[in-house]
Structure formats: C-alpha cells, structure tokens
PDB file of N, CA and C in Angstrom:
ATOM      1  N   UNK A   1       4.822  47.697  46.298  1.00  0.00           N
ATOM      2  CA  UNK A   1       3.881  48.228  46.789  1.00  0.00           C
ATOM      3  C   UNK A   1       3.982  46.910  48.368  1.00  0.00           C
ATOM      4  N   UNK A   2       3.801  45.395  47.316  1.00  0.00           N
ATOM      5  CA  UNK A   2       3.657  44.951  48.695  1.00  0.00           C
ATOM      6  C   UNK A   2       5.607  45.210  49.687  1.00  0.00           C
ATOM      7  N   UNK A   3       6.615  45.496  48.868  1.00  0.00           N
ATOM      8  CA  UNK A   3       7.664  45.970  50.030  1.00  0.00           C
ATOM      9  C   UNK A   3       7.461  46.524  50.590  1.00  0.00           C
ATOM     10  N   UNK A   4       6.698  47.322  50.986  1.00  0.00           N
ATOM     11  CA  UNK A   4       5.719  48.457  51.826  1.00  0.00           C
ATOM     12  C   UNK A   4       5.281  48.502  52.329  1.00  0.00           C
ATOM     13  N   UNK A   5       4.505  47.546  52.614  1.00  0.00           N
ATOM     14  CA  UNK A   5       3.419  47.132  53.512  1.00  0.00           C
ATOM     15  C   UNK A   5       4.194  46.590  54.286  1.00  0.00           C
ATOM     16  N   UNK A   6       4.653  44.905  53.959  1.00  0.00           N
ATOM     17  CA  UNK A   6       5.329  44.620  54.833  1.00  0.00           C
ATOM     18  C   UNK A   6       7.077  44.660  55.064  1.00  0.00           C
ATOM     19  N   UNK A   7       7.498  45.386  54.974  1.00  0.00           N
ATOM     20  CA  UNK A   7       8.940  46.162  55.680  1.00  0.00           C
ATOM     21  C   UNK A   7       9.278  46.890  56.741  1.00  0.00           C
ATOM     22  N   UNK A   8       7.958  48.245  56.705  1.00  0.00           N
ATOM     23  CA  UNK A   8       8.006  48.782  58.064  1.00  0.00           C
ATOM     24  C   UNK A   8       8.052  48.365  58.649  1.00  0.00           C
ATOM     25  N   UNK A   9       9.003  48.084  59.366  1.00  0.00           N
ATOM     26  CA  UNK A   9       8.791  47.690  61.074  1.00  0.00           C
ATOM     27  C   UNK A   9       7.307  48.927  61.890  1.00  0.00           C
ATOM     28  N   UNK A  10       8.704  49.749  62.289  1.00  0.00           N
ATOM     29  CA  UNK A  10       7.566  50.909  63.012  1.00  0.00           C
ATOM     30  C   UNK A  10       6.429  51.588  62.273  1.00  0.00           C
ATOM     31  N   UNK A  11       5.753  51.340  61.334  1.00  0.00           N
ATOM     32  CA  UNK A  11       3.767  51.168  60.780  1.00  0.00           C
ATOM     33  C   UNK A  11       3.341  50.525  61.256  1.00  0.00           C
ATOM     34  N   UNK A  12       3.789  48.672  60.732  1.00  0.00           N
ATOM     35  CA  UNK A  12       3.578  47.642  61.289  1.00  0.00           C
ATOM     36  C   UNK A  12       3.505  47.278  63.576  1.00  0.00           C
ATOM     37  N   UNK A  13       4.658  48.247  64.001  1.00  0.00           N
ATOM     38  CA  UNK A  13       4.099  48.164  65.304  1.00  0.00           C
ATOM     39  C   UNK A  13       3.103  49.217  65.482  1.00  0.00           C
ATOM     40  N   UNK A  14       2.963  50.280  64.774  1.00  0.00           N
ATOM     41  CA  UNK A  14       2.048  51.057  65.330  1.00  0.00           C
ATOM     42  C   UNK A  14       0.593  50.691  64.524  1.00  0.00           C
ATOM     43  N   UNK A  15       0.642  49.803  63.750  1.00  0.00           N
ATOM     44  CA  UNK A  15      -0.627  49.367  63.840  1.00  0.00           C
ATOM     45  C   UNK A  15      -1.080  48.287  64.602  1.00  0.00           C
ATOM     46  N   UNK A  16       0.233  47.433  65.572  1.00  0.00           N
ATOM     47  CA  UNK A  16      -0.858  45.984  66.351  1.00  0.00           C
ATOM     48  C   UNK A  16      -0.896  46.877  67.384  1.00  0.00           C
ATOM     49  N   UNK A  17      -0.779  48.033  67.815  1.00  0.00           N
ATOM     50  CA  UNK A  17      -0.814  48.185  68.824  1.00  0.00           C
ATOM     51  C   UNK A  17      -2.206  48.214  69.168  1.00  0.00           C
ATOM     52  N   UNK A  18      -2.908  47.618  70.396  1.00  0.00           N
ATOM     53  CA  UNK A  18      -4.546  46.907  70.371  1.00  0.00           C
ATOM     54  C   UNK A  18      -5.079  48.612  69.934  1.00  0.00           C
ATOM     55  N   UNK A  19      -6.573  48.349  70.314  1.00  0.00           N
ATOM     56  CA  UNK A  19      -7.454  49.168  69.713  1.00  0.00           C
ATOM     57  C   UNK A  19      -8.012  49.684  71.486  1.00  0.00           C
ATOM     58  N   UNK A  20      -8.212  50.859  71.788  1.00  0.00           N
ATOM     59  CA  UNK A  20      -8.677  50.709  73.038  1.00  0.00           C
ATOM     60  C   UNK A  20     -10.110  49.719  73.216  1.00  0.00           C
ATOM     61  N   UNK A  21     -11.260  49.618  72.999  1.00  0.00           N
ATOM     62  CA  UNK A  21     -11.569  48.700  73.115  1.00  0.00           C
ATOM     63  C   UNK A  21     -12.243  48.066  72.022  1.00  0.00           C
ATOM     64  N   UNK A  22     -13.162  46.588  72.077  1.00  0.00           N
ATOM     65  CA  UNK A  22     -13.954  45.950  70.852  1.00  0.00           C
ATOM     66  C   UNK A  22     -14.702  46.771  69.762  1.00  0.00           C
ATOM     67  N   UNK A  23     -15.552  47.712  70.758  1.00  0.00           N
ATOM     68  CA  UNK A  23     -16.497  48.672  70.175  1.00  0.00           C
ATOM     69  C   UNK A  23     -15.591  48.975  68.595  1.00  0.00           C
ATOM     70  N   UNK A  24     -14.427  50.263  69.492  1.00  0.00           N
ATOM     71  CA  UNK A  24     -13.612  50.150  68.041  1.00  0.00           C
ATOM     72  C   UNK A  24     -12.875  49.783  67.296  1.00  0.00           C
ATOM     73  N   UNK A  25     -12.540  48.322  67.053  1.00  0.00           N
ATOM     74  CA  UNK A  25     -11.488  47.233  66.729  1.00  0.00           C
ATOM     75  C   UNK A  25     -12.915  46.933  65.880  1.00  0.00           C
ATOM     76  N   UNK A  26     -13.489  46.447  66.485  1.00  0.00           N
ATOM     77  CA  UNK A  26     -15.142  46.150  65.332  1.00  0.00           C
ATOM     78  C   UNK A  26     -15.422  47.196  64.113  1.00  0.00           C
ATOM     79  N   UNK A  27     -15.697  48.337  64.936  1.00  0.00           N
ATOM     80  CA  UNK A  27     -15.909  49.905  63.403  1.00  0.00           C
ATOM     81  C   UNK A  27     -14.654  49.904  63.011  1.00  0.00           C
ATOM     82  N   UNK A  28     -13.141  49.653  63.249  1.00  0.00           N
ATOM     83  CA  UNK A  28     -12.736  49.751  62.129  1.00  0.00           C
ATOM     84  C   UNK A  28     -11.905  48.890  61.284  1.00  0.00           C
ATOM     85  N   UNK A  29     -12.362  46.976  61.343  1.00  0.00           N
ATOM     86  CA  UNK A  29     -12.873  45.887  60.556  1.00  0.00           C
ATOM     87  C   UNK A  29     -14.533  46.043  59.280  1.00  0.00           C
ATOM     88  N   UNK A  30     -15.250  46.816  60.199  1.00  0.00           N
ATOM     89  CA  UNK A  30     -16.029  46.943  59.268  1.00  0.00           C
ATOM     90  C   UNK A  30     -15.567  47.949  58.151  1.00  0.00           C
ATOM     91  N   UNK A  31     -15.341  48.875  58.773  1.00  0.00           N
ATOM     92  CA  UNK A  31     -14.946  50.159  57.449  1.00  0.00           C
ATOM     93  C   UNK A  31     -14.142  49.526  56.623  1.00  0.00           C
ATOM     94  N   UNK A  32     -13.573  48.874  56.894  1.00  0.00           N
ATOM     95  CA  UNK A  32     -12.530  48.400  56.108  1.00  0.00           C
ATOM     96  C   UNK A  32     -12.360  47.817  54.964  1.00  0.00           C
ATOM     97  N   UNK A  33     -13.213  47.057  55.512  1.00  0.00           N
ATOM     98  CA  UNK A  33     -14.362  45.843  55.169  1.00  0.00           C
ATOM     99  C   UNK A  33     -15.145  46.300  53.982  1.00  0.00           C
ATOM    100  N   UNK A  34     -16.072  47.546  54.223  1.00  0.00           N
ATOM    101  CA  UNK A  34     -16.895  48.531  52.981  1.00  0.00           C
ATOM    102  C   UNK A  34     -15.763  49.512  52.326  1.00  0.00           C
ATOM    103  N   UNK A  35     -14.484  49.939  52.533  1.00  0.00           N
ATOM    104  CA  UNK A  35     -13.530  50.564  51.615  1.00  0.00           C
ATOM    105  C   UNK A  35     -13.081  49.349  50.761  1.00  0.00           C
ATOM    106  N   UNK A  36     -12.873  48.081  51.318  1.00  0.00           N
ATOM    107  CA  UNK A  36     -12.392  47.027  50.247  1.00  0.00           C
ATOM    108  C   UNK A  36     -13.017  47.116  48.802  1.00  0.00           C
ATOM    109  N   UNK A  37     -14.705  46.814  49.739  1.00  0.00           N
ATOM    110  CA  UNK A  37     -15.905  46.414  48.985  1.00  0.00           C
ATOM    111  C   UNK A  37     -15.807  47.400  47.627  1.00  0.00           C
ATOM    112  N   UNK A  38     -15.466  48.804  48.188  1.00  0.00           N
ATOM    113  CA  UNK A  38     -16.108  50.449  47.737  1.00  0.00           C
ATOM    114  C   UNK A  38     -14.216  50.465  46.477  1.00  0.00           C
ATOM    115  N   UNK A  39     -14.191  50.025  47.449  1.00  0.00           N
ATOM    116  CA  UNK A  39     -12.267  49.318  45.881  1.00  0.00           C
ATOM    117  C   UNK A  39     -12.478  48.243  44.736  1.00  0.00           C
ATOM    118  N   UNK A  40     -13.080  47.685  45.167  1.00  0.00           N
ATOM    119  CA  UNK A  40     -12.874  46.310  43.644  1.00  0.00           C
ATOM    120  C   UNK A  40     -14.204  46.935  42.665  1.00  0.00           C
ATOM    121  N   UNK A  41     -15.375  47.889  43.003  1.00  0.00           N
ATOM    122  CA  UNK A  41     -16.152  48.067  42.534  1.00  0.00           C
ATOM    123  C   UNK A  41     -15.603  49.308  41.345  1.00  0.00           C
ATOM    124  N   UNK A  42     -14.544  50.274  42.882  1.00  0.00           N
ATOM    125  CA  UNK A  42     -13.659  51.109  41.797  1.00  0.00           C
ATOM    126  C   UNK A  42     -12.874  50.269  40.530  1.00  0.00           C
ATOM    127  N   UNK A  43     -12.195  49.854  40.970  1.00  0.00           N
ATOM    128  CA  UNK A  43     -11.481  49.284  39.990  1.00  0.00           C
ATOM    129  C   UNK A  43     -11.333  47.995  39.439  1.00  0.00           C
ATOM    130  N   UNK A  44     -12.717  47.587  39.649  1.00  0.00           N
ATOM    131  CA  UNK A  44     -12.981  46.463  38.241  1.00  0.00           C
ATOM    132  C   UNK A  44     -12.409  44.982  38.287  1.00  0.00           C
ATOM    133  N   UNK A  45     -12.287  44.869  40.020  1.00  0.00           N
ATOM    134  CA  UNK A  45     -11.572  43.695  40.534  1.00  0.00           C
ATOM    135  C   UNK A  45     -12.585  42.577  40.679  1.00  0.00           C
ATOM    136  N   UNK A  46     -12.983  42.011  40.221  1.00  0.00           N
ATOM    137  CA  UNK A  46     -13.360  40.647  39.918  1.00  0.00           C
ATOM    138  C   UNK A  46     -13.353  39.814  41.487  1.00  0.00           C
ATOM    139  N   UNK A  47     -12.171  39.162  41.183  1.00  0.00           N
ATOM    140  CA  UNK A  47     -12.272  38.425  42.630  1.00  0.00           C
ATOM    141  C   UNK A  47     -11.736  38.560  43.871  1.00  0.00           C
ATOM    142  N   UNK A  48     -12.610  39.168  45.343  1.00  0.00           N
ATOM    143  CA  UNK A  48     -11.268  39.411  46.242  1.00  0.00           C
ATOM    144  C   UNK A  48     -11.446  37.756  47.558  1.00  0.00           C
ATOM    145  N   UNK A  49     -10.092  38.320  48.807  1.00  0.00           N
ATOM    146  CA  UNK A  49     -10.167  37.631  49.416  1.00  0.00           C
ATOM    147  C   UNK A  49      -9.677  38.269  50.698  1.00  0.00           C
ATOM    148  N   UNK A  50     -10.283  38.423  50.587  1.00  0.00           N
ATOM    149  CA  UNK A  50      -9.179  39.724  52.418  1.00  0.00           C
ATOM    150  C   UNK A  50      -9.329  39.358  53.662  1.00  0.00           C
ATOM    151  N   UNK A  51      -8.322  38.964  54.791  1.00  0.00           N
ATOM    152  CA  UNK A  51      -8.686  38.822  55.961  1.00  0.00           C
ATOM    153  C   UNK A  51      -8.132  39.893  56.360  1.00  0.00           C
ATOM    154  N   UNK A  52      -8.081  40.156  57.207  1.00  0.00           N
ATOM    155  CA  UNK A  52      -8.219  41.167  58.319  1.00  0.00           C
ATOM    156  C   UNK A  52      -8.165  40.453  59.786  1.00  0.00           C
ATOM    157  N   UNK A  53      -6.872  40.955  60.352  1.00  0.00           N
ATOM    158  CA  UNK A  53      -6.497  40.404  62.272  1.00  0.00           C
ATOM    159  C   UNK A  53      -6.168  42.076  62.617  1.00  0.00           C
ATOM    160  N   UNK A  54      -7.538  41.834  63.769  1.00  0.00           N
ATOM    161  CA  UNK A  54      -7.243  43.238  64.970  1.00  0.00           C
ATOM    162  C   UNK A  54      -6.745  42.886  66.450  1.00  0.00           C
ATOM    163  N   UNK A  55      -5.671  43.680  66.783  1.00  0.00           N
ATOM    164  CA  UNK A  55      -4.850  43.387  68.239  1.00  0.00           C
ATOM    165  C   UNK A  55      -6.621  43.980  68.760  1.00  0.00           C
ATOM    166  N   UNK A  56      -7.219  43.968  70.239  1.00  0.00           N
ATOM    167  CA  UNK A  56      -8.098  44.008  70.457  1.00  0.00           C
ATOM    168  C   UNK A  56      -7.751  43.994  72.866  1.00  0.00           C
ATOM    169  N   UNK A  57      -8.667  44.372  73.154  1.00  0.00           N
ATOM    170  CA  UNK A  57      -8.493  43.875  74.328  1.00  0.00           C
ATOM    171  C   UNK A  57      -8.219  42.655  74.816  1.00  0.00           C
ATOM    172  N   UNK A  58      -7.710  42.460  75.892  1.00  0.00           N
ATOM    173  CA  UNK A  58      -7.368  41.156  76.142  1.00  0.00           C
ATOM    174  C   UNK A  58      -7.552  39.789  75.208  1.00  0.00           C
ATOM    175  N   UNK A  59      -7.150  40.242  73.504  1.00  0.00           N
ATOM    176  CA  UNK A  59      -7.134  39.710  72.479  1.00  0.00           C
ATOM    177  C   UNK A  59      -7.514  39.852  71.458  1.00  0.00           C
ATOM    178  N   UNK A  60      -7.705  39.050  70.038  1.00  0.00           N
ATOM    179  CA  UNK A  60      -7.186  39.889  68.859  1.00  0.00           C
ATOM    180  C   UNK A  60      -8.716  38.808  67.774  1.00  0.00           C
ATOM    181  N   UNK A  61      -9.142  39.577  67.607  1.00  0.00           N
ATOM    182  CA  UNK A  61     -10.164  38.802  65.915  1.00  0.00           C
ATOM    183  C   UNK A  61      -9.569  38.643  64.720  1.00  0.00           C
ATOM    184  N   UNK A  62     -10.008  37.809  63.387  1.00  0.00           N
ATOM    185  CA  UNK A  62      -9.814  38.112  62.611  1.00  0.00           C
ATOM    186  C   UNK A  62     -10.423  37.882  61.547  1.00  0.00           C
ATOM    187  N   UNK A  63     -10.535  38.334  60.783  1.00  0.00           N
ATOM    188  CA  UNK A  63     -12.278  38.244  59.894  1.00  0.00           C
ATOM    189  C   UNK A  63     -12.160  37.837  58.279  1.00  0.00           C
ATOM    190  N   UNK A  64     -12.669  36.680  57.320  1.00  0.00           N
ATOM    191  CA  UNK A  64     -11.964  36.947  56.263  1.00  0.00           C
ATOM    192  C   UNK A  64     -13.133  37.024  55.501  1.00  0.00           C
ATOM    193  N   UNK A  65     -12.901  37.523  53.884  1.00  0.00           N
ATOM    194  CA  UNK A  65     -14.964  37.917  53.651  1.00  0.00           C
ATOM    195  C   UNK A  65     -14.103  37.671  51.759  1.00  0.00           C
ATOM    196  N   UNK A  66     -14.615  37.245  51.014  1.00  0.00           N
ATOM    197  CA  UNK A  66     -14.716  36.740  49.852  1.00  0.00           C
ATOM    198  C   UNK A  66     -15.359  37.902  48.483  1.00  0.00           C
ATOM    199  N   UNK A  67     -15.560  38.449  47.748  1.00  0.00           N
ATOM    200  CA  UNK A  67     -16.250  38.910  46.554  1.00  0.00           C
ATOM    201  C   UNK A  67     -15.602  37.955  45.198  1.00  0.00           C
ATOM    202  N   UNK A  68     -16.974  37.910  44.418  1.00  0.00           N
ATOM    203  CA  UNK A  68     -16.791  36.651  43.561  1.00  0.00           C
ATOM    204  C   UNK A  68     -16.755  35.807  43.123  1.00  0.00           C
ATOM    205  N   UNK A  69     -16.660  34.556  42.387  1.00  0.00           N
ATOM    206  CA  UNK A  69     -16.919  33.421  41.064  1.00  0.00           C
ATOM    207  C   UNK A  69     -16.306  32.998  42.398  1.00  0.00           C
ATOM    208  N   UNK A  70     -17.750  31.932  43.077  1.00  0.00           N
ATOM    209  CA  UNK A  70     -17.144  30.907  44.462  1.00  0.00           C
ATOM    210  C   UNK A  70     -15.822  29.710  43.525  1.00  0.00           C
ATOM    211  N   UNK A  71     -15.784  29.491  42.623  1.00  0.00           N
ATOM    212  CA  UNK A  71     -14.872  28.266  42.798  1.00  0.00           C
ATOM    213  C   UNK A  71     -13.409  28.902  42.901  1.00  0.00           C
ATOM    214  N   UNK A  72     -13.343  31.092  41.987  1.00  0.00           N
ATOM    215  CA  UNK A  72     -12.253  31.640  41.855  1.00  0.00           C
ATOM    216  C   UNK A  72     -11.706  31.568  43.100  1.00  0.00           C
ATOM    217  N   UNK A  73     -12.813  32.272  43.598  1.00  0.00           N
ATOM    218  CA  UNK A  73     -12.558  32.479  45.074  1.00  0.00           C
ATOM    219  C   UNK A  73     -11.991  31.348  45.900  1.00  0.00           C
ATOM    220  N   UNK A  74     -12.492  30.106  46.121  1.00  0.00           N
ATOM    221  CA  UNK A  74     -11.760  29.295  46.515  1.00  0.00           C
ATOM    222  C   UNK A  74     -10.002  28.732  45.907  1.00  0.00           C
ATOM    223  N   UNK A  75     -10.234  28.736  44.628  1.00  0.00           N
ATOM    224  CA  UNK A  75      -8.961  27.991  44.694  1.00  0.00           C
ATOM    225  C   UNK A  75      -7.724  29.586  44.787  1.00  0.00           C
ATOM    226  N   UNK A  76      -7.974  30.762  45.242  1.00  0.00           N
ATOM    227  CA  UNK A  76      -7.595  32.112  45.662  1.00  0.00           C
ATOM    228  C   UNK A  76      -7.118  31.557  46.949  1.00  0.00           C
ATOM    229  N   UNK A  77      -8.342  31.366  48.251  1.00  0.00           N
ATOM    230  CA  UNK A  77      -8.008  31.189  49.048  1.00  0.00           C
ATOM    231  C   UNK A  77      -7.025  30.289  49.940  1.00  0.00           C
ATOM    232  N   UNK A  78      -7.649  29.182  48.454  1.00  0.00           N
ATOM    233  CA  UNK A  78      -6.245  27.695  48.564  1.00  0.00           C
ATOM    234  C   UNK A  78      -4.881  28.130  48.975  1.00  0.00           C
ATOM    235  N   UNK A  79      -4.711  28.753  47.529  1.00  0.00           N
ATOM    236  CA  UNK A  79      -3.067  29.850  46.969  1.00  0.00           C
ATOM    237  C   UNK A  79      -2.677  30.015  48.489  1.00  0.00           C
ATOM    238  N   UNK A  80      -3.632  30.944  48.887  1.00  0.00           N
ATOM    239  CA  UNK A  80      -3.387  31.662  50.692  1.00  0.00           C
ATOM    240  C   UNK A  80      -2.765  30.412  50.901  1.00  0.00           C
ATOM    241  N   UNK A  81      -3.465  29.510  51.545  1.00  0.00           N
ATOM    242  CA  UNK A  81      -2.915  28.446  52.303  1.00  0.00           C
ATOM    243  C   UNK A  81      -2.108  27.802  51.825  1.00  0.00           C
ATOM    244  N   UNK A  82      -1.920  27.673  51.142  1.00  0.00           N
ATOM    245  CA  UNK A  82      -0.056  26.989  50.719  1.00  0.00           C
ATOM    246  C   UNK A  82       0.523  27.527  50.888  1.00  0.00           C
ATOM    247  N   UNK A  83       0.668  28.826  50.841  1.00  0.00           N
ATOM    248  CA  UNK A  83       2.177  30.673  50.722  1.00  0.00           C
ATOM    249  C   UNK A  83       2.591  30.535  52.057  1.00  0.00           C
ATOM    250  N   UNK A  84       1.289  30.418  52.807  1.00  0.00           N
ATOM    251  CA  UNK A  84       1.433  31.189  54.054  1.00  0.00           C
ATOM    252  C   UNK A  84       1.152  29.897  55.461  1.00  0.00           C
ATOM    253  N   UNK A  85      -0.032  28.815  55.376  1.00  0.00           N
ATOM    254  CA  UNK A  85       0.113  28.175  56.403  1.00  0.00           C
ATOM    255  C   UNK A  85       0.698  26.863  56.013  1.00  0.00           C
ATOM    256  N   UNK A  86       1.284  26.533  55.268  1.00  0.00           N
ATOM    257  CA  UNK A  86       1.806  25.477  54.990  1.00  0.00           C
ATOM    258  C   UNK A  86       2.531  25.306  55.085  1.00  0.00           C
ATOM    259  N   UNK A  87       3.893  26.340  55.006  1.00  0.00           N
ATOM    260  CA  UNK A  87       4.911  26.665  54.861  1.00  0.00           C
ATOM    261  C   UNK A  87       5.673  27.114  56.917  1.00  0.00           C
ATOM    262  N   UNK A  88       4.817  27.239  57.645  1.00  0.00           N
ATOM    263  CA  UNK A  88       3.890  27.270  58.676  1.00  0.00           C
ATOM    264  C   UNK A  88       3.687  26.065  59.760  1.00  0.00           C
ATOM    265  N   UNK A  89       3.204  25.499  58.700  1.00  0.00           N
ATOM    266  CA  UNK A  89       3.167  24.030  59.927  1.00  0.00           C
ATOM    267  C   UNK A  89       4.540  23.253  59.601  1.00  0.00           C
ATOM    268  N   UNK A  90       4.341  23.401  58.153  1.00  0.00           N
ATOM    269  CA  UNK A  90       5.898  22.393  58.403  1.00  0.00           C
ATOM    270  C   UNK A  90       7.070  22.934  59.334  1.00  0.00           C
ATOM    271  N   UNK A  91       7.056  24.249  59.169  1.00  0.00           N
ATOM    272  CA  UNK A  91       8.432  24.593  59.890  1.00  0.00           C
ATOM    273  C   UNK A  91       8.137  24.162  62.391  1.00  0.00           C
ATOM    274  N   UNK A  92       6.794  23.930  62.226  1.00  0.00           N
ATOM    275  CA  UNK A  92       6.080  22.993  63.128  1.00  0.00           C
ATOM    276  C   UNK A  92       6.623  22.192  63.317  1.00  0.00           C
ATOM    277  N   UNK A  93       6.783  21.107  62.507  1.00  0.00           N
ATOM    278  CA  UNK A  93       6.388  19.828  63.234  1.00  0.00           C
ATOM    279  C   UNK A  93       7.549  19.341  63.003  1.00  0.00           C
ATOM    280  N   UNK A  94       7.553  17.754  63.886  1.00  0.00           N
ATOM    281  CA  UNK A  94       9.840  17.256  64.158  1.00  0.00           C
ATOM    282  C   UNK A  94       9.970  16.796  62.960  1.00  0.00           C
ATOM    283  N   UNK A  95      10.346  17.124  63.226  1.00  0.00           N
ATOM    284  CA  UNK A  95      11.900  16.727  62.400  1.00  0.00           C
ATOM    285  C   UNK A  95      12.013  14.979  62.283  1.00  0.00           C
ATOM    286  N   UNK A  96      12.329  14.023  61.771  1.00  0.00           N
ATOM    287  CA  UNK A  96      12.955  13.397  61.448  1.00  0.00           C
ATOM    288  C   UNK A  96      13.490  12.203  63.556  1.00  0.00           C
ATOM    289  N   UNK A  97      14.436  13.159  63.379  1.00  0.00           N
ATOM    290  CA  UNK A  97      15.745  12.987  64.859  1.00  0.00           C
ATOM    291  C   UNK A  97      14.319  13.643  65.943  1.00  0.00           C
ATOM    292  N   UNK A  98      13.577  14.177  66.321  1.00  0.00           N
ATOM    293  CA  UNK A  98      12.958  14.186  67.076  1.00  0.00           C
ATOM    294  C   UNK A  98      11.436  13.931  67.442  1.00  0.00           C
ATOM    295  N   UNK A  99      10.507  12.804  66.244  1.00  0.00           N
ATOM    296  CA  UNK A  99       9.657  12.033  65.421  1.00  0.00           C
ATOM    297  C   UNK A  99       9.637  10.291  65.875  1.00  0.00           C
TER     298      UNK A  99
END
C-alpha cells in the first residue's frame, strides 16, 4: 500500500496540481482530516499523527493534526522528524570540504 502511494508518479502529479482557490484547498484539507478522524474511530487506531500539504494559488498550505495519548503522539512525531527531516538536513549541510 505504501509503495502504491509513493510510486505512482502520474497520480502524484495529478494531486499536486494547485486547487483553483484557497477556499477549495481549505475545504479539501478539512474534509480529508474529518475522514481521517472518522476512520480512526472506525478502525480503533488510538494514536495518529497526520500531516497534509496542498498546493494553492500563490503558494501552499501544510497542516498537522494529532489525536491520542500525548506522549505517544510526541514520540510518533519525533520518529517522523528523524525519518524525513534529519536525512534532508544532513544532505543540505556543507561537507568538511565545503565548510
């Protein structure tokens, strides 16, 4: 499932097209997050961290929500940071030869 979501470049390009208006983008984010909260209840998922990003006229918007026990949610958010942000920051840092 994860590979399907990350490897379908045509779908990604389609979903990356900006919304026509900021209001449309905000409504899409709200609807998506409401669906996630409902699915959390349906499938009995105790702790979630969800980050979403939409392209919109003149820019973008990123939103994060979390639900559940705060120490577990904090640990999950830390894992996300370590998995995605740390490698990116390391790749952008100057090497010893550059710095």
